[in-house]
Amino acid sequence: MGKGKKKHQGKGKHAHQGEDKGEGELGIAATPAGGPRPALTRKAYERELRRLQEELVQVQLWVQRTGAKVCIVFEGRDTAGKGGVIKRITERVSPRVFRVVALPAPTEREKSQMYVQRYLPHLPAAGEVIIFDRSWYNRAGVERVMGFCTEEESRRFLEMAPAVEKAMVDSGIILLKYWLDVDQDEQDRRLRAREHDGRKLWKLSPMDLKSYAHWYDYSRARDDMLAATDTSWAPWFVADSNDKKRARLNVISHLLDHLPYERTPHEDVHFPERQGAGGYVEPHCEYRRVPERF
């Protein structure tokens, strides 16, 4: 893709364990060369997700213990599955350690600032994992395509971004950048499905509909972004997200491989005896209770 492919390779603490002989990492038959991928059952998906999430807890303990600073960037087209991957990363860890940053449109004051300025306060301090659901790369994507910045501003951003990321990495931040890749047909299917799902109507904004028509403009913007900002110190990793479940497992597995975390030994937990009532009596009062409708 671009300059230097040196990866910050982790120690792979989560290497697949307990696999059945002759089967792949998900406990299903291996895919024949050139053949279609076998179906990923819900049971296999949930089993593997649980194992990976247990490792993410180990990452949390390592980050807290060592003061490591981790920054993860997720980019991709609308419906690429960024939110689903982020949810699976964060749903079993502490929101005080794993924090998600999804900034709204800039204010008038922020528009007058140096472009990356609004993102800098959100970078991780010691003991934090910061996940950007879209990031400073808005300037290379949606802002460029939708005309919120000029071509010159976008070009200058692409020239500047590697140096800013080098400063981040030199300060001790572990920076990982993911582009989730979805094809036209799958994006079309997912967007149209939102129209009939009341839980997802908020994801079908006027901006989503407007950007829908600009597939190839986004493709050109993506290509320029990857070519200009894929560096040895902050490489881009592209994940096929046409299959959401596989994408989640693949990204989390890759993320774990690229973090040099050490597992924290598990110690047995001993619960103390509970105190006696000491004469306590439940009060006789009518609380405003939630109706039991289910």
C-alpha atoms as a PDB file:
ATOM      1  CA  MET A   1       0.000   0.000   0.000  1.00  0.00           C
ATOM      2  CA  GLY A   2       2.715   2.506   0.718  1.00  0.00           C
ATOM      3  CA  LYS A   3       5.795   3.290   2.690  1.00  0.00           C
ATOM      4  CA  GLY A   4       7.424   0.577   4.807  1.00  0.00           C
ATOM      5  CA  LYS A   5       5.347  -2.364   5.986  1.00  0.00           C
ATOM      6  CA  LYS A   6       6.956  -2.794   9.356  1.00  0.00           C
ATOM      7  CA  LYS A   7       4.245  -3.890  11.799  1.00  0.00           C
ATOM      8  CA  HIS A   8       4.272  -3.361  15.542  1.00  0.00           C
ATOM      9  CA  GLN A   9       3.769  -7.077  16.127  1.00  0.00           C
ATOM     10  CA  GLY A  10       2.463  -8.145  19.513  1.00  0.00           C
ATOM     11  CA  LYS A  11       3.194 -11.398  21.286  1.00  0.00           C
ATOM     12  CA  GLY A  12       0.033 -13.197  20.234  1.00  0.00           C
ATOM     13  CA  LYS A  13      -1.001 -14.165  23.768  1.00  0.00           C
ATOM     14  CA  HIS A  14      -4.417 -15.143  22.472  1.00  0.00           C
ATOM     15  CA  ALA A  15      -3.101 -17.756  20.023  1.00  0.00           C
ATOM     16  CA  HIS A  16      -5.923 -20.146  19.377  1.00  0.00           C
ATOM     17  CA  GLN A  17      -6.127 -22.821  22.017  1.00  0.00           C
ATOM     18  CA  GLY A  18      -8.141 -25.984  22.352  1.00  0.00           C
ATOM     19  CA  GLU A  19      -8.884 -26.346  18.640  1.00  0.00           C
ATOM     20  CA  ASP A  20     -10.215 -29.613  17.336  1.00  0.00           C
ATOM     21  CA  LYS A  21      -7.731 -31.438  15.172  1.00  0.00           C
ATOM     22  CA  GLY A  22      -8.328 -30.963  11.471  1.00  0.00           C
ATOM     23  CA  GLU A  23     -10.533 -27.943  12.028  1.00  0.00           C
ATOM     24  CA  GLY A  24      -9.966 -24.223  11.709  1.00  0.00           C
ATOM     25  CA  GLU A  25      -9.776 -21.678  14.475  1.00  0.00           C
ATOM     26  CA  LEU A  26     -13.560 -21.443  14.728  1.00  0.00           C
ATOM     27  CA  GLY A  27     -14.086 -25.188  15.096  1.00  0.00           C
ATOM     28  CA  ILE A  28     -15.354 -25.594  11.526  1.00  0.00           C
ATOM     29  CA  ALA A  29     -13.848 -27.349   8.561  1.00  0.00           C
ATOM     30  CA  ALA A  30     -11.078 -25.482   6.784  1.00  0.00           C
ATOM     31  CA  THR A  31     -11.960 -23.772   3.510  1.00  0.00           C
ATOM     32  CA  PRO A  32     -10.740 -25.629   0.406  1.00  0.00           C
ATOM     33  CA  ALA A  33      -8.302 -23.609  -1.673  1.00  0.00           C
ATOM     34  CA  GLY A  34     -10.303 -21.318  -3.931  1.00  0.00           C
ATOM     35  CA  GLY A  35     -13.604 -22.567  -2.518  1.00  0.00           C
ATOM     36  CA  PRO A  36     -16.360 -20.675  -0.709  1.00  0.00           C
ATOM     37  CA  ARG A  37     -15.955 -20.003   2.981  1.00  0.00           C
ATOM     38  CA  PRO A  38     -17.956 -22.334   5.203  1.00  0.00           C
ATOM     39  CA  ALA A  39     -20.856 -20.881   7.124  1.00  0.00           C
ATOM     40  CA  LEU A  40     -19.967 -19.358  10.486  1.00  0.00           C
ATOM     41  CA  THR A  41     -22.548 -20.615  12.945  1.00  0.00           C
ATOM     42  CA  ARG A  42     -23.817 -18.417  15.754  1.00  0.00           C
ATOM     43  CA  LYS A  43     -22.498 -20.915  18.289  1.00  0.00           C
ATOM     44  CA  ALA A  44     -18.997 -20.842  16.772  1.00  0.00           C
ATOM     45  CA  TYR A  45     -19.082 -17.044  16.520  1.00  0.00           C
ATOM     46  CA  GLU A  46     -20.179 -16.564  20.126  1.00  0.00           C
ATOM     47  CA  ARG A  47     -17.620 -19.073  21.412  1.00  0.00           C
ATOM     48  CA  GLU A  48     -14.759 -17.346  19.629  1.00  0.00           C
ATOM     49  CA  LEU A  49     -16.006 -13.863  20.542  1.00  0.00           C
ATOM     50  CA  ARG A  50     -16.101 -14.823  24.207  1.00  0.00           C
ATOM     51  CA  ARG A  51     -12.511 -16.062  24.050  1.00  0.00           C
ATOM     52  CA  LEU A  52     -11.330 -12.864  22.363  1.00  0.00           C
ATOM     53  CA  GLN A  53     -13.229 -10.678  24.819  1.00  0.00           C
ATOM     54  CA  GLU A  54     -11.547 -12.489  27.689  1.00  0.00           C
ATOM     55  CA  GLU A  55      -8.240 -11.480  26.127  1.00  0.00           C
ATOM     56  CA  LEU A  56      -9.438  -7.877  25.862  1.00  0.00           C
ATOM     57  CA  VAL A  57      -9.950  -7.967  29.629  1.00  0.00           C
ATOM     58  CA  GLN A  58      -6.312  -9.034  29.898  1.00  0.00           C
ATOM     59  CA  VAL A  59      -5.412  -6.035  27.729  1.00  0.00           C
ATOM     60  CA  GLN A  60      -7.322  -3.803  30.139  1.00  0.00           C
ATOM     61  CA  LEU A  61      -5.458  -5.192  33.148  1.00  0.00           C
ATOM     62  CA  TRP A  62      -2.137  -4.782  31.323  1.00  0.00           C
ATOM     63  CA  VAL A  63      -2.933  -1.185  30.324  1.00  0.00           C
ATOM     64  CA  GLN A  64      -3.889  -0.311  33.887  1.00  0.00           C
ATOM     65  CA  ARG A  65      -0.843  -2.041  35.356  1.00  0.00           C
ATOM     66  CA  THR A  66       1.752  -0.624  32.968  1.00  0.00           C
ATOM     67  CA  GLY A  67       0.290   2.756  32.044  1.00  0.00           C
ATOM     68  CA  ALA A  68       0.287   1.861  28.353  1.00  0.00           C
ATOM     69  CA  LYS A  69      -1.379   4.276  25.912  1.00  0.00           C
ATOM     70  CA  VAL A  70      -3.368   2.758  23.041  1.00  0.00           C
ATOM     71  CA  CYS A  71      -5.171   4.602  20.247  1.00  0.00           C
ATOM     72  CA  ILE A  72      -7.312   2.709  17.729  1.00  0.00           C
ATOM     73  CA  VAL A  73      -8.784   4.391  14.655  1.00  0.00           C
ATOM     74  CA  PHE A  74     -11.714   2.924  12.715  1.00  0.00           C
ATOM     75  CA  GLU A  75     -12.558   4.281   9.290  1.00  0.00           C
ATOM     76  CA  GLY A  76     -14.714   3.021   6.430  1.00  0.00           C
ATOM     77  CA  ARG A  77     -17.767   3.815   4.363  1.00  0.00           C
ATOM     78  CA  ASP A  78     -21.237   4.132   5.863  1.00  0.00           C
ATOM     79  CA  THR A  79     -22.517   0.669   6.917  1.00  0.00           C
ATOM     80  CA  ALA A  80     -19.008  -0.835   6.905  1.00  0.00           C
ATOM     81  CA  GLY A  81     -19.590  -2.131  10.436  1.00  0.00           C
ATOM     82  CA  LYS A  82     -17.386   0.183  12.490  1.00  0.00           C
ATOM     83  CA  GLY A  83     -19.934   0.481  15.280  1.00  0.00           C
ATOM     84  CA  GLY A  84     -20.433  -3.281  15.488  1.00  0.00           C
ATOM     85  CA  VAL A  85     -16.718  -3.965  15.824  1.00  0.00           C
ATOM     86  CA  ILE A  86     -16.309  -1.221  18.429  1.00  0.00           C
ATOM     87  CA  LYS A  87     -19.281  -2.524  20.428  1.00  0.00           C
ATOM     88  CA  ARG A  88     -17.788  -6.029  20.601  1.00  0.00           C
ATOM     89  CA  ILE A  89     -14.438  -4.618  21.676  1.00  0.00           C
ATOM     90  CA  THR A  90     -15.914  -2.540  24.483  1.00  0.00           C
ATOM     91  CA  GLU A  91     -18.923  -4.483  25.758  1.00  0.00           C
ATOM     92  CA  ARG A  92     -16.977  -6.578  28.316  1.00  0.00           C
ATOM     93  CA  VAL A  93     -14.364  -4.070  29.450  1.00  0.00           C
ATOM     94  CA  SER A  94     -14.471  -0.928  31.573  1.00  0.00           C
ATOM     95  CA  PRO A  95     -15.635   2.281  29.852  1.00  0.00           C
ATOM     96  CA  ARG A  96     -13.191   4.114  32.120  1.00  0.00           C
ATOM     97  CA  VAL A  97     -10.298   2.372  30.368  1.00  0.00           C
ATOM     98  CA  PHE A  98     -11.711   1.709  26.887  1.00  0.00           C
ATOM     99  CA  ARG A  99     -13.237   5.017  25.793  1.00  0.00           C
ATOM    100  CA  VAL A 100     -14.971   5.619  22.477  1.00  0.00           C
ATOM    101  CA  VAL A 101     -14.609   8.997  20.769  1.00  0.00           C
ATOM    102  CA  ALA A 102     -17.139   9.904  18.065  1.00  0.00           C
ATOM    103  CA  LEU A 103     -16.980  13.655  17.585  1.00  0.00           C
ATOM    104  CA  PRO A 104     -19.912  15.622  16.145  1.00  0.00           C
ATOM    105  CA  ALA A 105     -19.583  18.175  13.369  1.00  0.00           C
ATOM    106  CA  PRO A 106     -17.122  20.935  14.341  1.00  0.00           C
ATOM    107  CA  THR A 107     -18.371  24.153  15.878  1.00  0.00           C
ATOM    108  CA  GLU A 108     -17.606  27.511  14.301  1.00  0.00           C
ATOM    109  CA  ARG A 109     -14.767  27.985  16.777  1.00  0.00           C
ATOM    110  CA  GLU A 110     -13.325  24.548  15.980  1.00  0.00           C
ATOM    111  CA  LYS A 111     -13.491  25.299  12.277  1.00  0.00           C
ATOM    112  CA  SER A 112     -11.109  28.191  12.870  1.00  0.00           C
ATOM    113  CA  GLN A 113      -8.576  26.029  14.726  1.00  0.00           C
ATOM    114  CA  MET A 114      -5.691  24.027  13.355  1.00  0.00           C
ATOM    115  CA  TYR A 115      -7.470  21.013  11.892  1.00  0.00           C
ATOM    116  CA  VAL A 116      -6.160  18.277  14.207  1.00  0.00           C
ATOM    117  CA  GLN A 117      -6.533  20.474  17.294  1.00  0.00           C
ATOM    118  CA  ARG A 118     -10.003  19.208  18.196  1.00  0.00           C
ATOM    119  CA  TYR A 119      -8.754  15.621  18.246  1.00  0.00           C
ATOM    120  CA  LEU A 120      -5.650  16.126  20.385  1.00  0.00           C
ATOM    121  CA  PRO A 121      -7.447  16.385  23.780  1.00  0.00           C
ATOM    122  CA  HIS A 122      -8.939  12.944  23.177  1.00  0.00           C
ATOM    123  CA  LEU A 123      -5.639  11.114  22.679  1.00  0.00           C
ATOM    124  CA  PRO A 124      -4.900   8.533  25.384  1.00  0.00           C
ATOM    125  CA  ALA A 125      -3.128   9.218  28.642  1.00  0.00           C
ATOM    126  CA  ALA A 126      -1.427   6.472  30.629  1.00  0.00           C
ATOM    127  CA  GLY A 127      -3.741   3.539  31.316  1.00  0.00           C
ATOM    128  CA  GLU A 128      -6.229   4.347  28.547  1.00  0.00           C
ATOM    129  CA  VAL A 129      -7.410   2.758  25.322  1.00  0.00           C
ATOM    130  CA  ILE A 130      -9.047   5.359  23.081  1.00  0.00           C
ATOM    131  CA  ILE A 131     -11.123   4.176  20.125  1.00  0.00           C
ATOM    132  CA  PHE A 132     -12.002   6.692  17.417  1.00  0.00           C
ATOM    133  CA  ASP A 133     -15.236   5.951  15.557  1.00  0.00           C
ATOM    134  CA  ARG A 134     -14.088   8.079  12.642  1.00  0.00           C
ATOM    135  CA  SER A 135     -11.186  10.366  13.341  1.00  0.00           C
ATOM    136  CA  TRP A 136      -9.000  13.110  11.910  1.00  0.00           C
ATOM    137  CA  TYR A 137      -9.290  11.176   8.646  1.00  0.00           C
ATOM    138  CA  ASN A 138     -12.692  12.807   8.124  1.00  0.00           C
ATOM    139  CA  ARG A 139     -10.746  15.452   6.225  1.00  0.00           C
ATOM    140  CA  ALA A 140      -9.487  12.858   3.763  1.00  0.00           C
ATOM    141  CA  GLY A 141     -12.922  11.252   3.339  1.00  0.00           C
ATOM    142  CA  VAL A 142     -16.329  12.765   3.988  1.00  0.00           C
ATOM    143  CA  GLU A 143     -15.106  16.378   4.169  1.00  0.00           C
ATOM    144  CA  ARG A 144     -13.321  16.077   0.848  1.00  0.00           C
ATOM    145  CA  VAL A 145     -16.096  14.188  -0.946  1.00  0.00           C
ATOM    146  CA  MET A 146     -18.963  16.291   0.366  1.00  0.00           C
ATOM    147  CA  GLY A 147     -17.207  19.615  -0.172  1.00  0.00           C
ATOM    148  CA  PHE A 148     -16.716  20.571   3.504  1.00  0.00           C
ATOM    149  CA  CYS A 149     -13.087  21.343   2.764  1.00  0.00           C
ATOM    150  CA  THR A 150     -11.179  22.294  -0.342  1.00  0.00           C
ATOM    151  CA  GLU A 151      -9.001  19.942  -2.358  1.00  0.00           C
ATOM    152  CA  GLU A 152      -6.000  21.973  -1.211  1.00  0.00           C
ATOM    153  CA  GLU A 153      -6.978  21.553   2.460  1.00  0.00           C
ATOM    154  CA  SER A 154      -7.367  17.827   1.975  1.00  0.00           C
ATOM    155  CA  ARG A 155      -4.007  17.590   0.217  1.00  0.00           C
ATOM    156  CA  ARG A 156      -2.275  19.505   3.016  1.00  0.00           C
ATOM    157  CA  PHE A 157      -3.865  17.210   5.568  1.00  0.00           C
ATOM    158  CA  LEU A 158      -2.516  14.119   3.808  1.00  0.00           C
ATOM    159  CA  GLU A 159       0.957  15.664   3.805  1.00  0.00           C
ATOM    160  CA  MET A 160       0.753  16.563   7.500  1.00  0.00           C
ATOM    161  CA  ALA A 161      -0.923  13.478   8.989  1.00  0.00           C
ATOM    162  CA  PRO A 162       2.111  11.143   8.912  1.00  0.00           C
ATOM    163  CA  ALA A 163       4.215  13.639  10.859  1.00  0.00           C
ATOM    164  CA  VAL A 164       1.487  14.112  13.491  1.00  0.00           C
ATOM    165  CA  GLU A 165       1.139  10.345  13.859  1.00  0.00           C
ATOM    166  CA  LYS A 166       4.924   9.995  14.122  1.00  0.00           C
ATOM    167  CA  ALA A 167       4.837  12.435  17.043  1.00  0.00           C
ATOM    168  CA  MET A 168       2.064  10.373  18.646  1.00  0.00           C
ATOM    169  CA  VAL A 169       4.002   7.133  18.305  1.00  0.00           C
ATOM    170  CA  ASP A 170       7.242   8.758  19.491  1.00  0.00           C
ATOM    171  CA  SER A 171       5.393   9.899  22.633  1.00  0.00           C
ATOM    172  CA  GLY A 172       4.654   6.255  23.496  1.00  0.00           C
ATOM    173  CA  ILE A 173       1.184   5.837  21.997  1.00  0.00           C
ATOM    174  CA  ILE A 174       0.453   2.506  20.322  1.00  0.00           C
ATOM    175  CA  LEU A 175      -1.493   3.592  17.223  1.00  0.00           C
ATOM    176  CA  LEU A 176      -3.542   1.130  15.174  1.00  0.00           C
ATOM    177  CA  LYS A 177      -5.567   2.189  12.117  1.00  0.00           C
ATOM    178  CA  TYR A 178      -8.275   0.037  10.537  1.00  0.00           C
ATOM    179  CA  TRP A 179     -10.188   0.532   7.307  1.00  0.00           C
ATOM    180  CA  LEU A 180     -13.308  -1.653   7.131  1.00  0.00           C
ATOM    181  CA  ASP A 181     -14.005  -2.543   3.513  1.00  0.00           C
ATOM    182  CA  VAL A 182     -17.542  -3.235   2.269  1.00  0.00           C
ATOM    183  CA  ASP A 183     -18.597  -3.675  -1.361  1.00  0.00           C
ATOM    184  CA  GLN A 184     -21.328  -1.792  -3.219  1.00  0.00           C
ATOM    185  CA  ASP A 185     -23.946  -4.532  -3.118  1.00  0.00           C
ATOM    186  CA  GLU A 186     -23.570  -5.136   0.599  1.00  0.00           C
ATOM    187  CA  GLN A 187     -23.611  -1.428   1.396  1.00  0.00           C
ATOM    188  CA  ASP A 188     -26.781  -1.055  -0.657  1.00  0.00           C
ATOM    189  CA  ARG A 189     -28.433  -3.976   1.169  1.00  0.00           C
ATOM    190  CA  ARG A 190     -27.535  -2.596   4.597  1.00  0.00           C
ATOM    191  CA  LEU A 191     -28.665   0.947   3.839  1.00  0.00           C
ATOM    192  CA  ARG A 192     -32.006  -0.190   2.460  1.00  0.00           C
ATOM    193  CA  ALA A 193     -32.560  -2.465   5.466  1.00  0.00           C
ATOM    194  CA  ARG A 194     -32.291   0.536   7.787  1.00  0.00           C
ATOM    195  CA  GLU A 195     -35.421   2.063   6.278  1.00  0.00           C
ATOM    196  CA  HIS A 196     -37.540  -0.750   7.723  1.00  0.00           C
ATOM    197  CA  ASP A 197     -35.808  -1.155  11.083  1.00  0.00           C
ATOM    198  CA  GLY A 198     -36.987   1.319  13.702  1.00  0.00           C
ATOM    199  CA  ARG A 199     -33.812   0.717  15.702  1.00  0.00           C
ATOM    200  CA  LYS A 200     -31.639   1.963  12.852  1.00  0.00           C
ATOM    201  CA  LEU A 201     -33.580   4.912  11.447  1.00  0.00           C
ATOM    202  CA  TRP A 202     -31.125   7.319  13.096  1.00  0.00           C
ATOM    203  CA  LYS A 203     -28.405   5.763  10.941  1.00  0.00           C
ATOM    204  CA  LEU A 204     -30.182   6.838   7.752  1.00  0.00           C
ATOM    205  CA  SER A 205     -29.434  10.553   7.827  1.00  0.00           C
ATOM    206  CA  PRO A 206     -29.691  13.004   4.907  1.00  0.00           C
ATOM    207  CA  MET A 207     -25.881  12.946   4.783  1.00  0.00           C
ATOM    208  CA  ASP A 208     -25.916   9.142   4.435  1.00  0.00           C
ATOM    209  CA  LEU A 209     -28.331   9.402   1.521  1.00  0.00           C
ATOM    210  CA  LYS A 210     -26.338  12.166  -0.124  1.00  0.00           C
ATOM    211  CA  SER A 211     -23.052  10.277   0.206  1.00  0.00           C
ATOM    212  CA  TYR A 212     -24.687   7.116  -1.188  1.00  0.00           C
ATOM    213  CA  ALA A 213     -24.434   8.570  -4.691  1.00  0.00           C
ATOM    214  CA  HIS A 214     -20.669   9.205  -4.393  1.00  0.00           C
ATOM    215  CA  TRP A 215     -19.301   5.658  -4.294  1.00  0.00           C
ATOM    216  CA  TYR A 216     -16.404   6.282  -6.667  1.00  0.00           C
ATOM    217  CA  ASP A 217     -15.559   9.669  -5.190  1.00  0.00           C
ATOM    218  CA  TYR A 218     -15.157   7.901  -1.851  1.00  0.00           C
ATOM    219  CA  SER A 219     -13.089   5.199  -3.549  1.00  0.00           C
ATOM    220  CA  ARG A 220     -10.687   7.794  -4.945  1.00  0.00           C
ATOM    221  CA  ALA A 221     -10.490   9.558  -1.589  1.00  0.00           C
ATOM    222  CA  ARG A 222      -9.786   6.266   0.192  1.00  0.00           C
ATOM    223  CA  ASP A 223      -7.066   5.333  -2.288  1.00  0.00           C
ATOM    224  CA  ASP A 224      -5.334   8.694  -1.875  1.00  0.00           C
ATOM    225  CA  MET A 225      -5.602   8.471   1.921  1.00  0.00           C
ATOM    226  CA  LEU A 226      -4.108   4.981   2.136  1.00  0.00           C
ATOM    227  CA  ALA A 227      -1.307   5.829  -0.290  1.00  0.00           C
ATOM    228  CA  ALA A 228      -0.329   8.997   1.587  1.00  0.00           C
ATOM    229  CA  THR A 229      -0.674   7.867   5.209  1.00  0.00           C
ATOM    230  CA  ASP A 230       0.300   4.184   5.280  1.00  0.00           C
ATOM    231  CA  THR A 231       3.667   4.398   7.051  1.00  0.00           C
ATOM    232  CA  SER A 232       5.996   2.069   8.898  1.00  0.00           C
ATOM    233  CA  TRP A 233       5.139   3.766  12.224  1.00  0.00           C
ATOM    234  CA  ALA A 234       1.363   3.947  11.611  1.00  0.00           C
ATOM    235  CA  PRO A 235       0.309   1.446   8.931  1.00  0.00           C
ATOM    236  CA  TRP A 236      -3.232   0.935   7.721  1.00  0.00           C
ATOM    237  CA  PHE A 237      -4.855  -2.464   8.115  1.00  0.00           C
ATOM    238  CA  VAL A 238      -7.764  -3.254   5.779  1.00  0.00           C
ATOM    239  CA  ALA A 239     -10.447  -5.725   6.892  1.00  0.00           C
ATOM    240  CA  ASP A 240     -13.103  -7.284   4.676  1.00  0.00           C
ATOM    241  CA  SER A 241     -16.378  -6.430   6.433  1.00  0.00           C
ATOM    242  CA  ASN A 242     -18.924  -7.894   4.036  1.00  0.00           C
ATOM    243  CA  ASP A 243     -19.479 -10.599   6.658  1.00  0.00           C
ATOM    244  CA  LYS A 244     -19.981  -8.658   9.880  1.00  0.00           C
ATOM    245  CA  LYS A 245     -19.354 -11.520  12.284  1.00  0.00           C
ATOM    246  CA  ARG A 246     -16.134 -12.594  10.612  1.00  0.00           C
ATOM    247  CA  ALA A 247     -14.960  -8.991  10.437  1.00  0.00           C
ATOM    248  CA  ARG A 248     -15.464  -8.545  14.184  1.00  0.00           C
ATOM    249  CA  LEU A 249     -13.501 -11.671  15.019  1.00  0.00           C
ATOM    250  CA  ASN A 250     -10.745 -10.900  12.508  1.00  0.00           C
ATOM    251  CA  VAL A 251     -10.232  -7.328  13.682  1.00  0.00           C
ATOM    252  CA  ILE A 252     -10.228  -8.174  17.395  1.00  0.00           C
ATOM    253  CA  SER A 253      -7.840 -11.063  16.794  1.00  0.00           C
ATOM    254  CA  HIS A 254      -5.528  -8.803  14.772  1.00  0.00           C
ATOM    255  CA  LEU A 255      -5.736  -6.081  17.400  1.00  0.00           C
ATOM    256  CA  LEU A 256      -4.665  -8.511  20.111  1.00  0.00           C
ATOM    257  CA  ASP A 257      -1.753  -9.710  17.971  1.00  0.00           C
ATOM    258  CA  HIS A 258      -0.494  -6.124  17.694  1.00  0.00           C
ATOM    259  CA  LEU A 259      -0.579  -5.245  21.390  1.00  0.00           C
ATOM    260  CA  PRO A 260       2.443  -6.391  23.454  1.00  0.00           C
ATOM    261  CA  TYR A 261       0.308  -7.172  26.493  1.00  0.00           C
ATOM    262  CA  GLU A 262       1.212  -9.663  29.199  1.00  0.00           C
ATOM    263  CA  ARG A 263      -1.476 -11.705  30.884  1.00  0.00           C
ATOM    264  CA  THR A 264      -2.209 -10.994  34.535  1.00  0.00           C
ATOM    265  CA  PRO A 265      -2.127 -14.178  36.655  1.00  0.00           C
ATOM    266  CA  HIS A 266      -5.561 -15.035  37.991  1.00  0.00           C
ATOM    267  CA  GLU A 267      -5.843 -15.244  41.745  1.00  0.00           C
ATOM    268  CA  ASP A 268      -8.612 -17.077  43.540  1.00  0.00           C
ATOM    269  CA  VAL A 269     -11.241 -14.762  44.982  1.00  0.00           C
ATOM    270  CA  HIS A 270     -12.233 -15.211  48.613  1.00  0.00           C
ATOM    271  CA  PHE A 271     -15.511 -13.522  49.567  1.00  0.00           C
ATOM    272  CA  PRO A 272     -15.727 -12.271  53.161  1.00  0.00           C
ATOM    273  CA  GLU A 273     -18.623 -13.247  55.362  1.00  0.00           C
ATOM    274  CA  ARG A 274     -21.516 -10.823  55.272  1.00  0.00           C
ATOM    275  CA  GLN A 275     -22.309  -8.901  58.410  1.00  0.00           C
ATOM    276  CA  GLY A 276     -25.253  -9.809  60.551  1.00  0.00           C
ATOM    277  CA  ALA A 277     -28.490  -7.834  60.406  1.00  0.00           C
ATOM    278  CA  GLY A 278     -27.749  -6.153  63.716  1.00  0.00           C
ATOM    279  CA  GLY A 279     -31.431  -5.491  64.294  1.00  0.00           C
ATOM    280  CA  TYR A 280     -32.066  -4.027  60.814  1.00  0.00           C
ATOM    281  CA  VAL A 281     -35.725  -4.292  59.685  1.00  0.00           C
ATOM    282  CA  GLU A 282     -36.995  -3.550  56.166  1.00  0.00           C
ATOM    283  CA  PRO A 283     -39.036  -0.310  56.242  1.00  0.00           C
ATOM    284  CA  HIS A 284     -42.778  -0.458  55.717  1.00  0.00           C
ATOM    285  CA  CYS A 285     -43.285   2.016  52.900  1.00  0.00           C
ATOM    286  CA  GLU A 286     -44.696   1.978  49.399  1.00  0.00           C
ATOM    287  CA  TYR A 287     -41.992   2.543  46.789  1.00  0.00           C
ATOM    288  CA  ARG A 288     -42.796   3.761  43.320  1.00  0.00           C
ATOM    289  CA  ARG A 289     -42.164   0.448  41.611  1.00  0.00           C
ATOM    290  CA  VAL A 290     -41.632  -0.170  37.925  1.00  0.00           C
ATOM    291  CA  PRO A 291     -44.665  -2.015  36.510  1.00  0.00           C
ATOM    292  CA  GLU A 292     -43.863  -5.652  35.735  1.00  0.00           C
ATOM    293  CA  ARG A 293     -45.133  -5.788  32.165  1.00  0.00           C
ATOM    294  CA  PHE A 294     -42.912  -8.649  31.101  1.00  0.00           C
END
